[in-house]
């Protein structure tokens, strides 16, 4: 199935901003996070699918748009 993956902040470094990618049926948001090895860069901060906050166990569907944001700090 086709999923639009959007990366933000440090997750983009050496990767991509937005990319249409193919995943098997029954793929979860966590599967994408693992495949891209994002948490080696920074812990996950925000996960959204189609503009709504979801859990990493969310089962993706054809045409979903997933947005991944690292945890950010500041002061």
PDB file of N, CA and C in Angstrom:
ATOM      1  N   UNK A   1       0.847  -1.176   0.000  1.00  0.00           N
ATOM      2  CA  UNK A   1       0.000   0.000   0.000  1.00  0.00           C
ATOM      3  C   UNK A   1       0.890   1.236   0.000  1.00  0.00           C
ATOM      4  N   UNK A   2       0.376   2.332  -0.529  1.00  0.00           N
ATOM      5  CA  UNK A   2       1.130   3.582  -0.649  1.00  0.00           C
ATOM      6  C   UNK A   2       0.851   4.475   0.555  1.00  0.00           C
ATOM      7  N   UNK A   3       1.932   4.920   1.201  1.00  0.00           N
ATOM      8  CA  UNK A   3       1.853   5.790   2.371  1.00  0.00           C
ATOM      9  C   UNK A   3       2.760   6.992   2.114  1.00  0.00           C
ATOM     10  N   UNK A   4       2.271   8.200   2.402  1.00  0.00           N
ATOM     11  CA  UNK A   4       3.106   9.393   2.312  1.00  0.00           C
ATOM     12  C   UNK A   4       3.740   9.606   3.687  1.00  0.00           C
ATOM     13  N   UNK A   5       5.066   9.549   3.734  1.00  0.00           N
ATOM     14  CA  UNK A   5       5.813   9.711   4.984  1.00  0.00           C
ATOM     15  C   UNK A   5       6.436  11.095   4.987  1.00  0.00           C
ATOM     16  N   UNK A   6       6.153  11.868   6.040  1.00  0.00           N
ATOM     17  CA  UNK A   6       6.732  13.207   6.192  1.00  0.00           C
ATOM     18  C   UNK A   6       7.586  13.225   7.453  1.00  0.00           C
ATOM     19  N   UNK A   7       8.819  13.700   7.301  1.00  0.00           N
ATOM     20  CA  UNK A   7       9.745  13.792   8.425  1.00  0.00           C
ATOM     21  C   UNK A   7       9.991  15.256   8.759  1.00  0.00           C
ATOM     22  N   UNK A   8      10.224  15.524  10.036  1.00  0.00           N
ATOM     23  CA  UNK A   8      10.436  16.893  10.489  1.00  0.00           C
ATOM     24  C   UNK A   8      11.693  16.997  11.347  1.00  0.00           C
ATOM     25  N   UNK A   9      12.251  18.209  11.393  1.00  0.00           N
ATOM     26  CA  UNK A   9      13.419  18.564  12.220  1.00  0.00           C
ATOM     27  C   UNK A   9      14.579  17.599  11.969  1.00  0.00           C
ATOM     28  N   UNK A  10      15.201  17.075  13.054  1.00  0.00           N
ATOM     29  CA  UNK A  10      16.386  16.220  12.914  1.00  0.00           C
ATOM     30  C   UNK A  10      16.109  14.947  12.112  1.00  0.00           C
ATOM     31  N   UNK A  11      14.877  14.494  12.070  1.00  0.00           N
ATOM     32  CA  UNK A  11      14.562  13.279  11.323  1.00  0.00           C
ATOM     33  C   UNK A  11      14.836  13.435   9.832  1.00  0.00           C
ATOM     34  N   UNK A  12      14.851  14.659   9.335  1.00  0.00           N
ATOM     35  CA  UNK A  12      15.093  14.904   7.909  1.00  0.00           C
ATOM     36  C   UNK A  12      16.564  14.805   7.528  1.00  0.00           C
ATOM     37  N   UNK A  13      17.443  15.024   8.479  1.00  0.00           N
ATOM     38  CA  UNK A  13      18.877  15.099   8.181  1.00  0.00           C
ATOM     39  C   UNK A  13      19.370  13.802   7.556  1.00  0.00           C
ATOM     40  N   UNK A  14      19.842  13.897   6.317  1.00  0.00           N
ATOM     41  CA  UNK A  14      20.340  12.744   5.584  1.00  0.00           C
ATOM     42  C   UNK A  14      19.245  11.840   5.054  1.00  0.00           C
ATOM     43  N   UNK A  15      17.998  12.272   5.159  1.00  0.00           N
ATOM     44  CA  UNK A  15      16.883  11.460   4.680  1.00  0.00           C
ATOM     45  C   UNK A  15      16.091  12.250   3.643  1.00  0.00           C
ATOM     46  N   UNK A  16      14.846  12.536   3.933  1.00  0.00           N
ATOM     47  CA  UNK A  16      13.950  13.220   3.009  1.00  0.00           C
ATOM     48  C   UNK A  16      12.955  14.051   3.808  1.00  0.00           C
ATOM     49  N   UNK A  17      12.302  14.977   3.126  1.00  0.00           N
ATOM     50  CA  UNK A  17      11.260  15.801   3.746  1.00  0.00           C
ATOM     51  C   UNK A  17       9.914  15.082   3.669  1.00  0.00           C
ATOM     52  N   UNK A  18       9.561  14.624   2.488  1.00  0.00           N
ATOM     53  CA  UNK A  18       8.318  13.880   2.260  1.00  0.00           C
ATOM     54  C   UNK A  18       8.570  12.903   1.124  1.00  0.00           C
ATOM     55  N   UNK A  19       8.051  11.693   1.288  1.00  0.00           N
ATOM     56  CA  UNK A  19       8.284  10.669   0.277  1.00  0.00           C
ATOM     57  C   UNK A  19       7.133   9.677   0.275  1.00  0.00           C
ATOM     58  N   UNK A  20       6.680   9.325  -0.910  1.00  0.00           N
ATOM     59  CA  UNK A  20       5.664   8.277  -1.083  1.00  0.00           C
ATOM     60  C   UNK A  20       6.399   6.950  -0.991  1.00  0.00           C
ATOM     61  N   UNK A  21       5.952   6.075  -0.076  1.00  0.00           N
ATOM     62  CA  UNK A  21       6.632   4.793   0.131  1.00  0.00           C
ATOM     63  C   UNK A  21       5.620   3.657   0.124  1.00  0.00           C
ATOM     64  N   UNK A  22       6.084   2.472  -0.213  1.00  0.00           N
ATOM     65  CA  UNK A  22       5.224   1.281  -0.236  1.00  0.00           C
ATOM     66  C   UNK A  22       5.470   0.444   1.008  1.00  0.00           C
ATOM     67  N   UNK A  23       4.385   0.012   1.625  1.00  0.00           N
ATOM     68  CA  UNK A  23       4.436  -0.844   2.810  1.00  0.00           C
ATOM     69  C   UNK A  23       3.434  -1.969   2.649  1.00  0.00           C
ATOM     70  N   UNK A  24       3.704  -3.102   3.313  1.00  0.00           N
ATOM     71  CA  UNK A  24       2.756  -4.219   3.241  1.00  0.00           C
ATOM     72  C   UNK A  24       1.482  -3.908   4.022  1.00  0.00           C
ATOM     73  N   UNK A  25       0.403  -4.598   3.665  1.00  0.00           N
ATOM     74  CA  UNK A  25      -0.837  -4.489   4.439  1.00  0.00           C
ATOM     75  C   UNK A  25      -0.520  -4.842   5.887  1.00  0.00           C
ATOM     76  N   UNK A  26      -1.268  -4.268   6.811  1.00  0.00           N
ATOM     77  CA  UNK A  26      -1.089  -4.514   8.252  1.00  0.00           C
ATOM     78  C   UNK A  26       0.156  -3.849   8.826  1.00  0.00           C
ATOM     79  N   UNK A  27       0.805  -2.949   8.089  1.00  0.00           N
ATOM     80  CA  UNK A  27       1.961  -2.224   8.628  1.00  0.00           C
ATOM     81  C   UNK A  27       1.476  -1.228   9.677  1.00  0.00           C
ATOM     82  N   UNK A  28       2.272  -1.073  10.718  1.00  0.00           N
ATOM     83  CA  UNK A  28       1.953  -0.116  11.778  1.00  0.00           C
ATOM     84  C   UNK A  28       2.850   1.108  11.653  1.00  0.00           C
ATOM     85  N   UNK A  29       2.472   2.150  12.366  1.00  0.00           N
ATOM     86  CA  UNK A  29       3.316   3.346  12.419  1.00  0.00           C
ATOM     87  C   UNK A  29       4.686   2.981  12.989  1.00  0.00           C
ATOM     88  N   UNK A  30       4.713   2.099  13.983  1.00  0.00           N
ATOM     89  CA  UNK A  30       5.988   1.680  14.588  1.00  0.00           C
ATOM     90  C   UNK A  30       6.896   1.020  13.563  1.00  0.00           C
ATOM     91  N   UNK A  31       6.334   0.289  12.624  1.00  0.00           N
ATOM     92  CA  UNK A  31       7.138  -0.361  11.579  1.00  0.00           C
ATOM     93  C   UNK A  31       7.894   0.680  10.751  1.00  0.00           C
ATOM     94  N   UNK A  32       7.259   1.802  10.467  1.00  0.00           N
ATOM     95  CA  UNK A  32       7.922   2.872   9.705  1.00  0.00           C
ATOM     96  C   UNK A  32       9.023   3.505  10.540  1.00  0.00           C
ATOM     97  N   UNK A  33       8.727   3.770  11.802  1.00  0.00           N
ATOM     98  CA  UNK A  33       9.732   4.342  12.713  1.00  0.00           C
ATOM     99  C   UNK A  33      10.946   3.426  12.791  1.00  0.00           C
ATOM    100  N   UNK A  34      10.697   2.125  12.909  1.00  0.00           N
ATOM    101  CA  UNK A  34      11.796   1.152  12.992  1.00  0.00           C
ATOM    102  C   UNK A  34      12.575   1.082  11.684  1.00  0.00           C
ATOM    103  N   UNK A  35      11.864   1.026  10.558  1.00  0.00           N
ATOM    104  CA  UNK A  35      12.527   0.913   9.264  1.00  0.00           C
ATOM    105  C   UNK A  35      13.472   2.087   9.018  1.00  0.00           C
ATOM    106  N   UNK A  36      13.037   3.275   9.396  1.00  0.00           N
ATOM    107  CA  UNK A  36      13.844   4.479   9.173  1.00  0.00           C
ATOM    108  C   UNK A  36      14.849   4.725  10.294  1.00  0.00           C
ATOM    109  N   UNK A  37      14.796   3.890  11.340  1.00  0.00           N
ATOM    110  CA  UNK A  37      15.721   3.987  12.473  1.00  0.00           C
ATOM    111  C   UNK A  37      15.717   5.395  13.083  1.00  0.00           C
ATOM    112  N   UNK A  38      14.536   5.970  13.193  1.00  0.00           N
ATOM    113  CA  UNK A  38      14.416   7.359  13.632  1.00  0.00           C
ATOM    114  C   UNK A  38      14.812   7.566  15.087  1.00  0.00           C
ATOM    115  N   UNK A  39      14.487   6.619  15.943  1.00  0.00           N
ATOM    116  CA  UNK A  39      14.745   6.835  17.362  1.00  0.00           C
ATOM    117  C   UNK A  39      16.232   6.735  17.713  1.00  0.00           C
ATOM    118  N   UNK A  40      17.071   6.351  16.744  1.00  0.00           N
ATOM    119  CA  UNK A  40      18.515   6.417  16.970  1.00  0.00           C
ATOM    120  C   UNK A  40      18.978   7.875  16.886  1.00  0.00           C
ATOM    121  N   UNK A  41      18.180   8.711  16.226  1.00  0.00           N
ATOM    122  CA  UNK A  41      18.481  10.137  16.092  1.00  0.00           C
ATOM    123  C   UNK A  41      17.946  10.903  17.294  1.00  0.00           C
ATOM    124  N   UNK A  42      16.693  10.653  17.629  1.00  0.00           N
ATOM    125  CA  UNK A  42      16.015  11.348  18.725  1.00  0.00           C
ATOM    126  C   UNK A  42      14.742  10.573  19.055  1.00  0.00           C
ATOM    127  N   UNK A  43      14.329  10.578  20.322  1.00  0.00           N
ATOM    128  CA  UNK A  43      13.069   9.907  20.661  1.00  0.00           C
ATOM    129  C   UNK A  43      11.900  10.542  19.909  1.00  0.00           C
ATOM    130  N   UNK A  44      10.887   9.740  19.630  1.00  0.00           N
ATOM    131  CA  UNK A  44       9.700  10.241  18.957  1.00  0.00           C
ATOM    132  C   UNK A  44       8.965  11.221  19.851  1.00  0.00           C
ATOM    133  N   UNK A  45       8.589  12.359  19.281  1.00  0.00           N
ATOM    134  CA  UNK A  45       7.856  13.370  20.034  1.00  0.00           C
ATOM    135  C   UNK A  45       6.383  13.374  19.676  1.00  0.00           C
ATOM    136  N   UNK A  46       6.080  13.488  18.386  1.00  0.00           N
ATOM    137  CA  UNK A  46       4.698  13.557  17.914  1.00  0.00           C
ATOM    138  C   UNK A  46       4.546  12.639  16.712  1.00  0.00           C
ATOM    139  N   UNK A  47       3.443  11.913  16.698  1.00  0.00           N
ATOM    140  CA  UNK A  47       3.097  11.026  15.600  1.00  0.00           C
ATOM    141  C   UNK A  47       1.684  11.362  15.164  1.00  0.00           C
ATOM    142  N   UNK A  48       1.541  11.727  13.907  1.00  0.00           N
ATOM    143  CA  UNK A  48       0.223  12.065  13.379  1.00  0.00           C
ATOM    144  C   UNK A  48      -0.021  11.291  12.087  1.00  0.00           C
ATOM    145  N   UNK A  49      -1.268  10.843  11.915  1.00  0.00           N
ATOM    146  CA  UNK A  49      -1.691  10.225  10.666  1.00  0.00           C
ATOM    147  C   UNK A  49      -2.921  10.983  10.189  1.00  0.00           C
ATOM    148  N   UNK A  50      -2.838  11.503   8.979  1.00  0.00           N
ATOM    149  CA  UNK A  50      -3.920  12.291   8.392  1.00  0.00           C
ATOM    150  C   UNK A  50      -4.334  13.454   9.297  1.00  0.00           C
ATOM    151  N   UNK A  51      -3.331  14.077   9.936  1.00  0.00           N
ATOM    152  CA  UNK A  51      -3.576  15.257  10.760  1.00  0.00           C
ATOM    153  C   UNK A  51      -4.113  14.973  12.157  1.00  0.00           C
ATOM    154  N   UNK A  52      -4.139  13.706  12.562  1.00  0.00           N
ATOM    155  CA  UNK A  52      -4.655  13.345  13.888  1.00  0.00           C
ATOM    156  C   UNK A  52      -3.582  12.596  14.666  1.00  0.00           C
ATOM    157  N   UNK A  53      -3.477  12.889  15.951  1.00  0.00           N
ATOM    158  CA  UNK A  53      -2.535  12.172  16.807  1.00  0.00           C
ATOM    159  C   UNK A  53      -2.962  10.718  16.928  1.00  0.00           C
ATOM    160  N   UNK A  54      -1.993   9.822  16.784  1.00  0.00           N
ATOM    161  CA  UNK A  54      -2.266   8.387  16.907  1.00  0.00           C
ATOM    162  C   UNK A  54      -1.152   7.736  17.715  1.00  0.00           C
ATOM    163  N   UNK A  55      -1.388   6.501  18.118  1.00  0.00           N
ATOM    164  CA  UNK A  55      -0.411   5.696  18.842  1.00  0.00           C
ATOM    165  C   UNK A  55       0.468   4.961  17.829  1.00  0.00           C
ATOM    166  N   UNK A  56       1.651   4.529  18.256  1.00  0.00           N
ATOM    167  CA  UNK A  56       2.567   3.823  17.345  1.00  0.00           C
ATOM    168  C   UNK A  56       1.992   2.498  16.853  1.00  0.00           C
ATOM    169  N   UNK A  57       0.989   1.966  17.538  1.00  0.00           N
ATOM    170  CA  UNK A  57       0.370   0.700  17.119  1.00  0.00           C
ATOM    171  C   UNK A  57      -0.684   0.897  16.025  1.00  0.00           C
ATOM    172  N   UNK A  58      -0.914   2.144  15.611  1.00  0.00           N
ATOM    173  CA  UNK A  58      -1.908   2.446  14.576  1.00  0.00           C
ATOM    174  C   UNK A  58      -1.635   1.620  13.319  1.00  0.00           C
ATOM    175  N   UNK A  59      -2.666   0.938  12.817  1.00  0.00           N
ATOM    176  CA  UNK A  59      -2.560   0.172  11.563  1.00  0.00           C
ATOM    177  C   UNK A  59      -2.791   1.122  10.388  1.00  0.00           C
ATOM    178  N   UNK A  60      -1.791   1.240   9.544  1.00  0.00           N
ATOM    179  CA  UNK A  60      -1.881   2.146   8.403  1.00  0.00           C
ATOM    180  C   UNK A  60      -2.810   1.591   7.335  1.00  0.00           C
ATOM    181  N   UNK A  61      -3.411   2.527   6.600  1.00  0.00           N
ATOM    182  CA  UNK A  61      -4.315   2.167   5.508  1.00  0.00           C
ATOM    183  C   UNK A  61      -3.829   2.830   4.219  1.00  0.00           C
ATOM    184  N   UNK A  62      -4.202   2.266   3.089  1.00  0.00           N
ATOM    185  CA  UNK A  62      -3.841   2.810   1.783  1.00  0.00           C
ATOM    186  C   UNK A  62      -4.107   4.315   1.738  1.00  0.00           C
ATOM    187  N   UNK A  63      -3.088   5.076   1.315  1.00  0.00           N
ATOM    188  CA  UNK A  63      -3.244   6.512   1.135  1.00  0.00           C
ATOM    189  C   UNK A  63      -3.042   7.352   2.382  1.00  0.00           C
ATOM    190  N   UNK A  64      -2.742   6.721   3.527  1.00  0.00           N
ATOM    191  CA  UNK A  64      -2.506   7.496   4.748  1.00  0.00           C
ATOM    192  C   UNK A  64      -1.293   8.398   4.578  1.00  0.00           C
ATOM    193  N   UNK A  65      -1.294   9.487   5.341  1.00  0.00           N
ATOM    194  CA  UNK A  65      -0.175  10.413   5.399  1.00  0.00           C
ATOM    195  C   UNK A  65       0.312  10.439   6.842  1.00  0.00           C
ATOM    196  N   UNK A  66       1.547   9.988   7.067  1.00  0.00           N
ATOM    197  CA  UNK A  66       2.094   9.915   8.410  1.00  0.00           C
ATOM    198  C   UNK A  66       3.143  11.018   8.576  1.00  0.00           C
ATOM    199  N   UNK A  67       3.071  11.736   9.689  1.00  0.00           N
ATOM    200  CA  UNK A  67       4.017  12.810   9.998  1.00  0.00           C
ATOM    201  C   UNK A  67       4.725  12.442  11.297  1.00  0.00           C
ATOM    202  N   UNK A  68       6.057  12.490  11.269  1.00  0.00           N
ATOM    203  CA  UNK A  68       6.880  12.077  12.395  1.00  0.00           C
ATOM    204  C   UNK A  68       7.748  13.240  12.863  1.00  0.00           C
ATOM    205  N   UNK A  69       7.612  13.588  14.135  1.00  0.00           N
ATOM    206  CA  UNK A  69       8.346  14.710  14.720  1.00  0.00           C
ATOM    207  C   UNK A  69       9.183  14.194  15.885  1.00  0.00           C
ATOM    208  N   UNK A  70      10.468  14.576  15.940  1.00  0.00           N
ATOM    209  CA  UNK A  70      11.269  14.178  17.092  1.00  0.00           C
ATOM    210  C   UNK A  70      10.899  15.002  18.323  1.00  0.00           C
ATOM    211  N   UNK A  71      11.256  14.464  19.478  1.00  0.00           N
ATOM    212  CA  UNK A  71      11.062  15.209  20.722  1.00  0.00           C
ATOM    213  C   UNK A  71      12.053  16.361  20.697  1.00  0.00           C
ATOM    214  N   UNK A  72      11.588  17.539  21.058  1.00  0.00           N
ATOM    215  CA  UNK A  72      12.462  18.702  21.063  1.00  0.00           C
ATOM    216  C   UNK A  72      12.512  19.278  22.467  1.00  0.00           C
ATOM    217  N   UNK A  73      13.621  19.879  22.774  1.00  0.00           N
ATOM    218  CA  UNK A  73      13.783  20.511  24.082  1.00  0.00           C
ATOM    219  C   UNK A  73      14.167  21.957  23.890  1.00  0.00           C
ATOM    220  N   UNK A  74      14.084  22.671  24.902  1.00  0.00           N
ATOM    221  CA  UNK A  74      14.463  24.077  24.832  1.00  0.00           C
ATOM    222  C   UNK A  74      14.348  24.695  26.198  1.00  0.00           C
ATOM    223  N   UNK A  75      14.669  25.936  26.228  1.00  0.00           N
ATOM    224  CA  UNK A  75      14.602  26.531  27.549  1.00  0.00           C
ATOM    225  C   UNK A  75      14.657  27.999  27.533  1.00  0.00           C
TER     226      UNK A  75
END
